[in-house]
Amino acid sequence: MEPSLVLAENLRRVRIARGLSLSDLARRAAVAKATLVALEGGRGNPTVATLAALAGELGVPLTRLLADPAAPSVHVARAGTGSVIAGEGTDVRFVHRTPIGGAMLELYDLVVHGHQASRPHPAGAVEQILITAGTLRLRVGDELTELGPGDFISFSADRPHAYDVAGAPARGVMTMVYPDVPAPIWTTDADLPPATGRRGTA
């Protein structure tokens, strides 16, 4: 992919994920909006200072804006590594985050050991769970579903939902899909803040 198009795609993707409009980012980074529009259109010849200002305001390394997302890459997440978000009844371990067009997909290792109520996620968010062990009881709105090993569920997570178990803890793989909504830019464990002991965002 041409470098200008790589920059355009990365800039737009990160800006949207941060929940910033073109005007917001231009103002915060002290860059002319016309310059930003040109860059996201794959045009222009930005200075290093301009790119550094944009990267700094977006909270990503400059190299992240210049890396070709289409280039072949390998990401390995070893068992037992990664930040864990611990809730009253769930523990979720962050595994990986992947951009898909304007959307973002997050992958988690899920353990449910008791009751956990979850507030609605951003509008349009979709949650998917594949159970690998135990029995999960999932309530979405007024609908209760019981899932066992090999069972899969996908649901709109922008409404209240709650997890529970029948006996022993349930384990599974969970994905969160955020379509063009603000979400943390997490791509590797190094990008994650320490999260062990934080309560309740499954």
N, C-alpha and C. Protein backbone atom coordinates (compact mmCIF):
# COMPACT_ATOMS: atom_id res chain seq x y z
N MET A 1 0.84 -1.19 0.00
CA MET A 1 0.00 0.00 0.00
C MET A 1 0.88 1.25 0.00
N GLU A 2 0.48 2.28 -0.74
CA GLU A 2 1.24 3.53 -0.79
C GLU A 2 1.32 4.16 0.60
N PRO A 3 2.49 4.73 0.97
CA PRO A 3 2.65 5.33 2.30
C PRO A 3 1.57 6.34 2.63
N SER A 4 1.15 7.16 1.65
CA SER A 4 0.13 8.17 1.92
C SER A 4 -1.21 7.53 2.27
N LEU A 5 -1.52 6.38 1.65
CA LEU A 5 -2.76 5.68 1.93
C LEU A 5 -2.69 4.94 3.27
N VAL A 6 -1.50 4.43 3.60
CA VAL A 6 -1.29 3.80 4.91
C VAL A 6 -1.55 4.82 6.01
N LEU A 7 -0.95 6.01 5.87
CA LEU A 7 -1.14 7.07 6.86
C LEU A 7 -2.62 7.46 6.94
N ALA A 8 -3.27 7.59 5.80
CA ALA A 8 -4.68 7.99 5.76
C ALA A 8 -5.55 6.99 6.52
N GLU A 9 -5.34 5.70 6.26
CA GLU A 9 -6.15 4.66 6.90
C GLU A 9 -5.91 4.62 8.40
N ASN A 10 -4.64 4.66 8.81
CA ASN A 10 -4.33 4.59 10.23
C ASN A 10 -4.84 5.81 10.97
N LEU A 11 -4.68 6.98 10.38
CA LEU A 11 -5.10 8.23 11.02
C LEU A 11 -6.60 8.24 11.24
N ARG A 12 -7.34 7.86 10.21
CA ARG A 12 -8.80 7.85 10.34
C ARG A 12 -9.24 6.81 11.35
N ARG A 13 -8.65 5.61 11.30
CA ARG A 13 -9.05 4.53 12.21
C ARG A 13 -8.84 4.92 13.66
N VAL A 14 -7.67 5.46 13.98
CA VAL A 14 -7.37 5.81 15.36
C VAL A 14 -8.22 7.00 15.81
N ARG A 15 -8.40 7.97 14.93
CA ARG A 15 -9.22 9.14 15.29
C ARG A 15 -10.64 8.72 15.64
N ILE A 16 -11.24 7.85 14.81
CA ILE A 16 -12.60 7.39 15.07
C ILE A 16 -12.67 6.60 16.36
N ALA A 17 -11.69 5.73 16.57
CA ALA A 17 -11.67 4.93 17.79
C ALA A 17 -11.53 5.79 19.04
N ARG A 18 -10.89 6.95 18.89
CA ARG A 18 -10.75 7.88 20.01
C ARG A 18 -11.99 8.75 20.19
N GLY A 19 -12.94 8.64 19.25
CA GLY A 19 -14.16 9.42 19.36
C GLY A 19 -13.99 10.89 19.01
N LEU A 20 -13.02 11.20 18.14
CA LEU A 20 -12.73 12.58 17.77
C LEU A 20 -13.20 12.87 16.35
N SER A 21 -13.78 14.05 16.16
CA SER A 21 -14.10 14.50 14.81
C SER A 21 -12.85 15.10 14.18
N LEU A 22 -12.90 15.36 12.90
CA LEU A 22 -11.78 16.02 12.23
C LEU A 22 -11.48 17.37 12.88
N SER A 23 -12.54 18.11 13.19
CA SER A 23 -12.37 19.43 13.81
C SER A 23 -11.74 19.31 15.19
N ASP A 24 -12.19 18.31 15.96
CA ASP A 24 -11.64 18.11 17.31
C ASP A 24 -10.14 17.85 17.26
N LEU A 25 -9.73 16.89 16.41
CA LEU A 25 -8.32 16.53 16.34
C LEU A 25 -7.48 17.68 15.82
N ALA A 26 -7.98 18.37 14.80
CA ALA A 26 -7.23 19.49 14.25
C ALA A 26 -7.00 20.56 15.31
N ARG A 27 -8.04 20.86 16.07
CA ARG A 27 -7.92 21.89 17.11
C ARG A 27 -6.95 21.46 18.20
N ARG A 28 -7.08 20.23 18.68
CA ARG A 28 -6.25 19.77 19.80
C ARG A 28 -4.78 19.65 19.40
N ALA A 29 -4.54 19.24 18.16
CA ALA A 29 -3.15 19.06 17.70
C ALA A 29 -2.57 20.34 17.08
N ALA A 30 -3.38 21.41 17.02
CA ALA A 30 -2.95 22.67 16.41
C ALA A 30 -2.50 22.47 14.96
N VAL A 31 -3.31 21.68 14.23
CA VAL A 31 -3.06 21.42 12.82
C VAL A 31 -4.27 21.93 12.04
N ALA A 32 -4.03 22.57 10.91
CA ALA A 32 -5.14 23.09 10.10
C ALA A 32 -6.07 21.94 9.70
N LYS A 33 -7.38 22.19 9.80
CA LYS A 33 -8.33 21.15 9.45
C LYS A 33 -8.17 20.73 7.99
N ALA A 34 -7.87 21.68 7.11
CA ALA A 34 -7.68 21.35 5.70
C ALA A 34 -6.52 20.39 5.52
N THR A 35 -5.48 20.55 6.33
CA THR A 35 -4.33 19.65 6.27
C THR A 35 -4.74 18.24 6.69
N LEU A 36 -5.53 18.17 7.77
CA LEU A 36 -5.97 16.87 8.28
C LEU A 36 -6.90 16.18 7.27
N VAL A 37 -7.80 16.94 6.66
CA VAL A 37 -8.69 16.38 5.64
C VAL A 37 -7.88 15.80 4.48
N ALA A 38 -6.84 16.53 4.07
CA ALA A 38 -6.00 16.07 2.97
C ALA A 38 -5.26 14.79 3.35
N LEU A 39 -4.76 14.72 4.58
CA LEU A 39 -4.03 13.53 5.01
C LEU A 39 -4.94 12.30 5.05
N GLU A 40 -6.16 12.46 5.55
CA GLU A 40 -7.09 11.33 5.61
C GLU A 40 -7.62 10.97 4.23
N GLY A 41 -7.40 11.87 3.27
CA GLY A 41 -7.78 11.57 1.90
C GLY A 41 -6.64 10.99 1.08
N GLY A 42 -5.52 10.74 1.77
CA GLY A 42 -4.36 10.17 1.08
C GLY A 42 -3.58 11.18 0.28
N ARG A 43 -3.75 12.46 0.62
CA ARG A 43 -3.03 13.52 -0.09
C ARG A 43 -2.16 14.29 0.90
N GLY A 44 -1.34 15.17 0.39
CA GLY A 44 -0.53 16.02 1.25
C GLY A 44 0.84 15.44 1.50
N ASN A 45 1.72 16.28 2.02
CA ASN A 45 3.09 15.90 2.32
C ASN A 45 3.43 16.44 3.71
N PRO A 46 2.97 15.76 4.77
CA PRO A 46 3.11 16.30 6.13
C PRO A 46 4.55 16.33 6.61
N THR A 47 4.82 17.29 7.47
CA THR A 47 6.13 17.35 8.12
C THR A 47 6.16 16.37 9.29
N VAL A 48 7.36 16.08 9.76
CA VAL A 48 7.50 15.21 10.92
C VAL A 48 6.82 15.86 12.13
N ALA A 49 6.93 17.19 12.23
CA ALA A 49 6.32 17.90 13.35
C ALA A 49 4.80 17.73 13.34
N THR A 50 4.19 17.78 12.15
CA THR A 50 2.74 17.61 12.04
C THR A 50 2.34 16.20 12.46
N LEU A 51 3.05 15.20 11.96
CA LEU A 51 2.73 13.82 12.31
C LEU A 51 2.94 13.57 13.81
N ALA A 52 4.00 14.14 14.37
CA ALA A 52 4.27 13.97 15.79
C ALA A 52 3.17 14.60 16.63
N ALA A 53 2.66 15.76 16.20
CA ALA A 53 1.58 16.43 16.93
C ALA A 53 0.31 15.59 16.89
N LEU A 54 0.00 15.02 15.74
CA LEU A 54 -1.20 14.19 15.61
C LEU A 54 -1.07 12.91 16.44
N ALA A 55 0.09 12.25 16.35
CA ALA A 55 0.31 11.02 17.12
C ALA A 55 0.24 11.30 18.62
N GLY A 56 0.83 12.42 19.03
CA GLY A 56 0.81 12.77 20.44
C GLY A 56 -0.60 13.00 20.96
N GLU A 57 -1.41 13.69 20.17
CA GLU A 57 -2.78 13.96 20.60
C GLU A 57 -3.63 12.69 20.60
N LEU A 58 -3.33 11.77 19.68
CA LEU A 58 -4.07 10.50 19.62
C LEU A 58 -3.58 9.48 20.64
N GLY A 59 -2.42 9.75 21.24
CA GLY A 59 -1.89 8.86 22.25
C GLY A 59 -1.31 7.58 21.71
N VAL A 60 -0.73 7.64 20.50
CA VAL A 60 -0.09 6.47 19.91
C VAL A 60 1.31 6.84 19.44
N PRO A 61 2.22 5.86 19.33
CA PRO A 61 3.54 6.16 18.78
C PRO A 61 3.43 6.60 17.33
N LEU A 62 4.34 7.44 16.90
CA LEU A 62 4.34 7.89 15.51
C LEU A 62 4.42 6.71 14.54
N THR A 63 5.17 5.68 14.92
CA THR A 63 5.30 4.50 14.06
C THR A 63 3.96 3.81 13.82
N ARG A 64 3.01 3.95 14.76
CA ARG A 64 1.71 3.32 14.60
C ARG A 64 0.95 3.93 13.42
N LEU A 65 1.15 5.23 13.20
CA LEU A 65 0.47 5.90 12.09
C LEU A 65 1.08 5.54 10.74
N LEU A 66 2.33 5.09 10.76
CA LEU A 66 3.04 4.83 9.51
C LEU A 66 3.11 3.35 9.15
N ALA A 67 2.68 2.47 10.08
CA ALA A 67 2.78 1.03 9.86
C ALA A 67 1.67 0.57 8.93
N ASP A 68 2.02 -0.25 7.95
CA ASP A 68 1.05 -0.76 6.97
C ASP A 68 0.21 -1.86 7.61
N PRO A 69 -1.12 -1.62 7.82
CA PRO A 69 -1.95 -2.64 8.46
C PRO A 69 -2.15 -3.88 7.61
N ALA A 70 -1.85 -3.76 6.30
CA ALA A 70 -2.01 -4.90 5.41
C ALA A 70 -0.76 -5.77 5.36
N ALA A 71 0.33 -5.29 5.97
CA ALA A 71 1.57 -6.06 5.95
C ALA A 71 1.41 -7.34 6.77
N PRO A 72 2.00 -8.46 6.33
CA PRO A 72 1.90 -9.70 7.09
C PRO A 72 2.46 -9.52 8.49
N SER A 73 1.76 -10.03 9.50
CA SER A 73 2.23 -9.91 10.87
C SER A 73 1.78 -11.13 11.66
N VAL A 74 2.47 -11.38 12.75
CA VAL A 74 2.15 -12.50 13.63
C VAL A 74 2.07 -11.96 15.05
N HIS A 75 0.99 -12.28 15.75
CA HIS A 75 0.84 -11.88 17.14
C HIS A 75 0.60 -13.13 17.97
N VAL A 76 1.41 -13.34 18.98
CA VAL A 76 1.27 -14.50 19.87
C VAL A 76 0.98 -14.00 21.28
N ALA A 77 -0.09 -14.50 21.88
CA ALA A 77 -0.42 -14.19 23.27
C ALA A 77 -0.30 -15.49 24.07
N ARG A 78 0.70 -15.57 24.92
CA ARG A 78 0.94 -16.79 25.69
C ARG A 78 -0.08 -16.95 26.81
N ALA A 79 -0.40 -18.20 27.13
CA ALA A 79 -1.32 -18.49 28.23
C ALA A 79 -0.80 -17.87 29.52
N GLY A 80 -1.70 -17.25 30.26
CA GLY A 80 -1.31 -16.67 31.53
C GLY A 80 -0.75 -15.27 31.44
N THR A 81 -0.57 -14.73 30.21
CA THR A 81 -0.08 -13.38 30.06
C THR A 81 -1.23 -12.45 29.68
N GLY A 82 -1.02 -11.17 29.82
CA GLY A 82 -2.06 -10.20 29.47
C GLY A 82 -2.76 -9.68 30.71
N SER A 83 -3.25 -8.46 30.61
CA SER A 83 -3.94 -7.84 31.74
C SER A 83 -5.28 -8.52 31.99
N VAL A 84 -5.59 -8.68 33.28
CA VAL A 84 -6.85 -9.30 33.69
C VAL A 84 -7.73 -8.25 34.35
N ILE A 85 -8.97 -8.16 33.88
CA ILE A 85 -9.96 -7.28 34.50
C ILE A 85 -10.85 -8.16 35.35
N ALA A 86 -10.76 -7.99 36.67
CA ALA A 86 -11.47 -8.85 37.61
C ALA A 86 -12.76 -8.18 38.07
N GLY A 87 -13.87 -8.91 37.96
CA GLY A 87 -15.15 -8.39 38.42
C GLY A 87 -15.69 -9.22 39.57
N GLU A 88 -16.90 -8.89 40.03
CA GLU A 88 -17.50 -9.64 41.13
C GLU A 88 -17.71 -11.10 40.75
N GLY A 89 -18.08 -11.35 39.49
CA GLY A 89 -18.35 -12.72 39.09
C GLY A 89 -17.63 -13.16 37.84
N THR A 90 -16.83 -12.27 37.23
CA THR A 90 -16.11 -12.62 36.00
C THR A 90 -14.68 -12.12 36.05
N ASP A 91 -13.81 -12.85 35.37
CA ASP A 91 -12.44 -12.41 35.11
C ASP A 91 -12.23 -12.50 33.61
N VAL A 92 -11.82 -11.40 32.99
CA VAL A 92 -11.56 -11.41 31.55
C VAL A 92 -10.11 -11.01 31.31
N ARG A 93 -9.42 -11.82 30.52
CA ARG A 93 -8.01 -11.55 30.19
C ARG A 93 -7.94 -11.04 28.75
N PHE A 94 -7.42 -9.84 28.59
CA PHE A 94 -7.28 -9.28 27.25
C PHE A 94 -6.24 -10.08 26.46
N VAL A 95 -6.61 -10.45 25.22
CA VAL A 95 -5.73 -11.25 24.37
C VAL A 95 -5.23 -10.45 23.17
N HIS A 96 -6.15 -9.80 22.44
CA HIS A 96 -5.72 -9.10 21.23
C HIS A 96 -6.81 -8.15 20.76
N ARG A 97 -6.40 -7.18 19.94
CA ARG A 97 -7.33 -6.22 19.36
C ARG A 97 -7.02 -6.05 17.89
N THR A 98 -8.05 -6.11 17.02
CA THR A 98 -7.84 -6.08 15.58
C THR A 98 -8.76 -5.06 14.93
N PRO A 99 -8.22 -4.13 14.12
CA PRO A 99 -9.08 -3.21 13.37
C PRO A 99 -9.68 -3.94 12.17
N ILE A 100 -10.97 -3.70 11.94
CA ILE A 100 -11.65 -4.28 10.78
C ILE A 100 -12.43 -3.15 10.11
N GLY A 101 -11.84 -2.56 9.08
CA GLY A 101 -12.47 -1.40 8.47
C GLY A 101 -12.55 -0.28 9.49
N GLY A 102 -13.74 0.24 9.72
CA GLY A 102 -13.92 1.27 10.74
C GLY A 102 -14.25 0.71 12.09
N ALA A 103 -14.36 -0.62 12.21
CA ALA A 103 -14.73 -1.24 13.48
C ALA A 103 -13.49 -1.79 14.19
N MET A 104 -13.68 -2.16 15.46
CA MET A 104 -12.62 -2.76 16.25
C MET A 104 -13.13 -4.05 16.88
N LEU A 105 -12.30 -5.08 16.86
CA LEU A 105 -12.64 -6.36 17.49
C LEU A 105 -11.65 -6.64 18.60
N GLU A 106 -12.16 -6.88 19.81
CA GLU A 106 -11.33 -7.24 20.95
C GLU A 106 -11.58 -8.70 21.31
N LEU A 107 -10.52 -9.42 21.63
CA LEU A 107 -10.62 -10.84 21.97
C LEU A 107 -10.20 -11.04 23.43
N TYR A 108 -11.02 -11.77 24.18
CA TYR A 108 -10.76 -12.00 25.60
C TYR A 108 -10.89 -13.48 25.95
N ASP A 109 -10.14 -13.89 26.97
CA ASP A 109 -10.31 -15.18 27.62
C ASP A 109 -11.25 -14.93 28.80
N LEU A 110 -12.38 -15.61 28.86
CA LEU A 110 -13.43 -15.32 29.83
C LEU A 110 -13.57 -16.44 30.86
N VAL A 111 -13.64 -16.07 32.14
CA VAL A 111 -13.96 -17.01 33.21
C VAL A 111 -15.10 -16.39 34.02
N VAL A 112 -16.21 -17.14 34.14
CA VAL A 112 -17.34 -16.68 34.95
C VAL A 112 -17.45 -17.59 36.16
N HIS A 113 -17.34 -17.01 37.37
CA HIS A 113 -17.37 -17.83 38.59
C HIS A 113 -18.51 -17.44 39.52
N GLY A 114 -19.33 -16.48 39.12
CA GLY A 114 -20.46 -16.05 39.94
C GLY A 114 -21.31 -15.05 39.18
N HIS A 115 -22.19 -14.37 39.90
CA HIS A 115 -23.07 -13.40 39.24
C HIS A 115 -22.31 -12.12 38.91
N GLN A 116 -22.54 -11.62 37.72
CA GLN A 116 -21.91 -10.37 37.29
C GLN A 116 -22.91 -9.61 36.41
N ALA A 117 -23.33 -8.43 36.84
CA ALA A 117 -24.19 -7.57 36.04
C ALA A 117 -23.31 -6.61 35.26
N SER A 118 -23.64 -6.39 34.00
CA SER A 118 -22.85 -5.50 33.14
C SER A 118 -23.73 -4.37 32.62
N ARG A 119 -23.21 -3.16 32.71
CA ARG A 119 -23.92 -2.02 32.14
C ARG A 119 -23.86 -2.10 30.62
N PRO A 120 -24.75 -1.41 29.92
CA PRO A 120 -24.71 -1.41 28.46
C PRO A 120 -23.38 -0.86 27.93
N HIS A 121 -22.87 -1.48 26.88
CA HIS A 121 -21.68 -1.00 26.19
C HIS A 121 -22.10 0.09 25.20
N PRO A 122 -21.17 0.75 24.51
CA PRO A 122 -21.55 1.80 23.55
C PRO A 122 -22.53 1.30 22.49
N ALA A 123 -23.30 2.22 21.95
CA ALA A 123 -24.32 1.88 20.96
C ALA A 123 -23.71 1.10 19.79
N GLY A 124 -24.36 0.01 19.41
CA GLY A 124 -23.90 -0.79 18.29
C GLY A 124 -22.91 -1.88 18.64
N ALA A 125 -22.45 -1.93 19.90
CA ALA A 125 -21.48 -2.95 20.30
C ALA A 125 -22.12 -4.33 20.27
N VAL A 126 -21.36 -5.32 19.79
CA VAL A 126 -21.84 -6.71 19.74
C VAL A 126 -20.89 -7.58 20.54
N GLU A 127 -21.44 -8.43 21.39
CA GLU A 127 -20.65 -9.36 22.20
C GLU A 127 -20.91 -10.78 21.71
N GLN A 128 -19.83 -11.57 21.63
CA GLN A 128 -19.95 -12.96 21.19
C GLN A 128 -19.18 -13.85 22.17
N ILE A 129 -19.78 -14.97 22.55
CA ILE A 129 -19.15 -15.87 23.52
C ILE A 129 -19.25 -17.31 23.03
N LEU A 130 -18.13 -18.04 23.05
CA LEU A 130 -18.09 -19.47 22.79
C LEU A 130 -17.67 -20.16 24.09
N ILE A 131 -18.52 -21.01 24.62
CA ILE A 131 -18.24 -21.68 25.89
C ILE A 131 -17.35 -22.91 25.64
N THR A 132 -16.29 -23.02 26.44
CA THR A 132 -15.38 -24.17 26.31
C THR A 132 -15.46 -25.12 27.50
N ALA A 133 -15.98 -24.64 28.64
CA ALA A 133 -16.11 -25.51 29.82
C ALA A 133 -17.17 -24.94 30.75
N GLY A 134 -17.89 -25.82 31.45
CA GLY A 134 -18.90 -25.37 32.41
C GLY A 134 -20.19 -24.94 31.75
N THR A 135 -21.09 -24.37 32.56
CA THR A 135 -22.39 -23.90 32.08
C THR A 135 -22.56 -22.44 32.43
N LEU A 136 -22.83 -21.64 31.42
CA LEU A 136 -23.02 -20.20 31.60
C LEU A 136 -24.50 -19.87 31.47
N ARG A 137 -24.99 -19.05 32.38
CA ARG A 137 -26.34 -18.51 32.29
C ARG A 137 -26.21 -17.02 31.98
N LEU A 138 -26.71 -16.64 30.82
CA LEU A 138 -26.57 -15.26 30.34
C LEU A 138 -27.95 -14.64 30.17
N ARG A 139 -28.16 -13.51 30.84
CA ARG A 139 -29.42 -12.79 30.70
C ARG A 139 -29.16 -11.51 29.91
N VAL A 140 -29.88 -11.34 28.81
CA VAL A 140 -29.81 -10.13 28.00
C VAL A 140 -31.21 -9.52 28.00
N GLY A 141 -31.35 -8.37 28.65
CA GLY A 141 -32.68 -7.82 28.84
C GLY A 141 -33.49 -8.77 29.70
N ASP A 142 -34.63 -9.24 29.19
CA ASP A 142 -35.48 -10.17 29.94
C ASP A 142 -35.28 -11.62 29.51
N GLU A 143 -34.37 -11.86 28.56
CA GLU A 143 -34.19 -13.21 28.01
C GLU A 143 -33.01 -13.92 28.66
N LEU A 144 -33.27 -15.10 29.22
CA LEU A 144 -32.23 -15.91 29.85
C LEU A 144 -31.86 -17.08 28.95
N THR A 145 -30.54 -17.25 28.71
CA THR A 145 -30.05 -18.34 27.87
C THR A 145 -29.01 -19.13 28.66
N GLU A 146 -29.11 -20.46 28.62
CA GLU A 146 -28.13 -21.32 29.27
C GLU A 146 -27.24 -21.96 28.20
N LEU A 147 -25.94 -21.87 28.39
CA LEU A 147 -24.97 -22.32 27.39
C LEU A 147 -24.00 -23.31 28.00
N GLY A 148 -23.71 -24.38 27.26
CA GLY A 148 -22.73 -25.37 27.70
C GLY A 148 -21.56 -25.43 26.74
N PRO A 149 -20.60 -26.33 26.99
CA PRO A 149 -19.41 -26.44 26.14
C PRO A 149 -19.77 -26.61 24.66
N GLY A 150 -19.17 -25.80 23.81
CA GLY A 150 -19.43 -25.83 22.38
C GLY A 150 -20.54 -24.90 21.95
N ASP A 151 -21.33 -24.37 22.90
CA ASP A 151 -22.41 -23.45 22.56
C ASP A 151 -21.85 -22.05 22.31
N PHE A 152 -22.53 -21.33 21.42
CA PHE A 152 -22.10 -19.98 21.02
C PHE A 152 -23.29 -19.04 21.08
N ILE A 153 -23.03 -17.78 21.47
CA ILE A 153 -24.08 -16.77 21.48
C ILE A 153 -23.49 -15.45 20.99
N SER A 154 -24.31 -14.71 20.26
CA SER A 154 -23.96 -13.36 19.82
C SER A 154 -25.14 -12.46 20.15
N PHE A 155 -24.87 -11.30 20.76
CA PHE A 155 -25.98 -10.44 21.15
C PHE A 155 -25.56 -8.97 21.16
N SER A 156 -26.56 -8.12 21.06
CA SER A 156 -26.33 -6.68 21.15
C SER A 156 -26.00 -6.34 22.59
N ALA A 157 -24.81 -5.80 22.81
CA ALA A 157 -24.34 -5.56 24.18
C ALA A 157 -24.59 -4.12 24.62
N ASP A 158 -25.38 -3.37 23.83
CA ASP A 158 -25.67 -2.00 24.22
C ASP A 158 -26.95 -1.91 25.05
N ARG A 159 -27.25 -2.98 25.77
CA ARG A 159 -28.34 -2.99 26.73
C ARG A 159 -27.88 -3.80 27.93
N PRO A 160 -28.53 -3.68 29.09
CA PRO A 160 -28.05 -4.39 30.28
C PRO A 160 -28.01 -5.90 30.05
N HIS A 161 -26.98 -6.54 30.59
CA HIS A 161 -26.86 -7.99 30.51
C HIS A 161 -26.13 -8.48 31.75
N ALA A 162 -26.30 -9.77 32.04
CA ALA A 162 -25.71 -10.32 33.27
C ALA A 162 -25.30 -11.76 33.05
N TYR A 163 -24.24 -12.16 33.77
CA TYR A 163 -23.68 -13.51 33.67
C TYR A 163 -23.87 -14.23 35.00
N ASP A 164 -24.04 -15.55 34.93
CA ASP A 164 -24.09 -16.38 36.13
C ASP A 164 -23.69 -17.79 35.73
N VAL A 165 -23.46 -18.64 36.71
CA VAL A 165 -23.05 -20.02 36.43
C VAL A 165 -23.97 -20.99 37.15
N ALA A 166 -23.96 -22.22 36.68
CA ALA A 166 -24.68 -23.31 37.34
C ALA A 166 -23.64 -24.25 37.92
N GLY A 167 -23.22 -23.98 39.12
CA GLY A 167 -22.20 -24.82 39.75
C GLY A 167 -20.80 -24.31 39.51
N ALA A 168 -19.96 -25.13 38.85
CA ALA A 168 -18.55 -24.81 38.65
C ALA A 168 -18.40 -23.61 37.71
N PRO A 169 -17.25 -22.93 37.77
CA PRO A 169 -17.01 -21.80 36.85
C PRO A 169 -17.14 -22.20 35.39
N ALA A 170 -17.57 -21.27 34.59
CA ALA A 170 -17.66 -21.46 33.14
C ALA A 170 -16.50 -20.71 32.48
N ARG A 171 -15.94 -21.31 31.44
CA ARG A 171 -14.85 -20.68 30.69
C ARG A 171 -15.28 -20.54 29.23
N GLY A 172 -14.69 -19.54 28.58
CA GLY A 172 -15.01 -19.37 27.18
C GLY A 172 -14.14 -18.32 26.52
N VAL A 173 -14.38 -18.10 25.25
CA VAL A 173 -13.70 -17.07 24.48
C VAL A 173 -14.74 -16.00 24.15
N MET A 174 -14.42 -14.76 24.45
CA MET A 174 -15.36 -13.66 24.24
C MET A 174 -14.76 -12.64 23.28
N THR A 175 -15.56 -12.17 22.33
CA THR A 175 -15.13 -11.07 21.48
C THR A 175 -16.10 -9.91 21.66
N MET A 176 -15.55 -8.69 21.57
CA MET A 176 -16.35 -7.47 21.57
C MET A 176 -16.08 -6.77 20.24
N VAL A 177 -17.15 -6.39 19.55
CA VAL A 177 -17.02 -5.68 18.28
C VAL A 177 -17.62 -4.29 18.45
N TYR A 178 -16.79 -3.27 18.23
CA TYR A 178 -17.22 -1.88 18.36
C TYR A 178 -17.23 -1.24 16.97
N PRO A 179 -18.41 -0.91 16.42
CA PRO A 179 -18.46 -0.31 15.08
C PRO A 179 -18.38 1.21 15.13
N ASP A 180 -17.21 1.75 14.82
CA ASP A 180 -17.03 3.20 14.75
C ASP A 180 -17.45 3.91 16.04
N VAL A 181 -17.12 3.33 17.19
CA VAL A 181 -17.42 3.99 18.45
C VAL A 181 -16.14 4.09 19.26
N PRO A 182 -16.06 5.04 20.21
CA PRO A 182 -14.84 5.15 21.01
C PRO A 182 -14.57 3.87 21.77
N ALA A 183 -13.34 3.41 21.71
CA ALA A 183 -12.91 2.22 22.44
C ALA A 183 -11.41 2.34 22.64
N PRO A 184 -10.88 1.72 23.69
CA PRO A 184 -9.44 1.83 23.94
C PRO A 184 -8.63 1.28 22.77
N ILE A 185 -7.52 1.93 22.43
CA ILE A 185 -6.63 1.42 21.39
C ILE A 185 -5.66 0.45 22.04
N TRP A 186 -6.02 -0.82 22.10
CA TRP A 186 -5.18 -1.85 22.68
C TRP A 186 -4.80 -2.83 21.59
N THR A 187 -3.54 -2.98 21.32
CA THR A 187 -3.14 -3.94 20.31
C THR A 187 -2.17 -4.97 20.87
N THR A 188 -1.44 -4.63 21.89
CA THR A 188 -0.55 -5.59 22.54
C THR A 188 -0.65 -5.38 24.03
N ASP A 189 -0.16 -6.33 24.80
CA ASP A 189 -0.21 -6.20 26.26
C ASP A 189 0.51 -4.95 26.72
N ALA A 190 1.56 -4.53 26.00
CA ALA A 190 2.31 -3.35 26.40
C ALA A 190 1.46 -2.08 26.32
N ASP A 191 0.40 -2.10 25.50
CA ASP A 191 -0.47 -0.95 25.37
C ASP A 191 -1.49 -0.85 26.50
N LEU A 192 -1.64 -1.93 27.28
CA LEU A 192 -2.66 -1.97 28.30
C LEU A 192 -2.16 -1.41 29.62
N PRO A 193 -3.00 -0.63 30.32
CA PRO A 193 -2.64 -0.25 31.68
C PRO A 193 -2.77 -1.46 32.59
N PRO A 194 -2.04 -1.48 33.72
CA PRO A 194 -2.24 -2.59 34.67
C PRO A 194 -3.71 -2.64 35.06
N ALA A 195 -4.34 -3.82 34.96
CA ALA A 195 -5.77 -3.88 35.18
C ALA A 195 -6.20 -4.91 36.20
N THR A 196 -5.28 -5.74 36.67
CA THR A 196 -5.65 -6.77 37.62
C THR A 196 -6.28 -6.14 38.86
N GLY A 197 -7.46 -6.61 39.19
CA GLY A 197 -8.13 -6.09 40.37
C GLY A 197 -9.16 -5.03 40.06
N ARG A 198 -9.18 -4.52 38.82
CA ARG A 198 -10.22 -3.59 38.44
C ARG A 198 -11.55 -4.32 38.41
N ARG A 199 -12.61 -3.62 38.75
CA ARG A 199 -13.91 -4.27 38.87
C ARG A 199 -14.80 -3.97 37.70
N GLY A 200 -15.30 -5.04 37.11
CA GLY A 200 -16.52 -5.09 36.43
C GLY A 200 -16.73 -4.52 35.05
N THR A 201 -16.02 -4.86 33.98
CA THR A 201 -16.35 -4.34 32.66
C THR A 201 -16.63 -5.42 31.64
N ALA A 202 -16.87 -6.63 32.05
CA ALA A 202 -17.13 -7.71 31.08
C ALA A 202 -18.41 -7.45 30.33
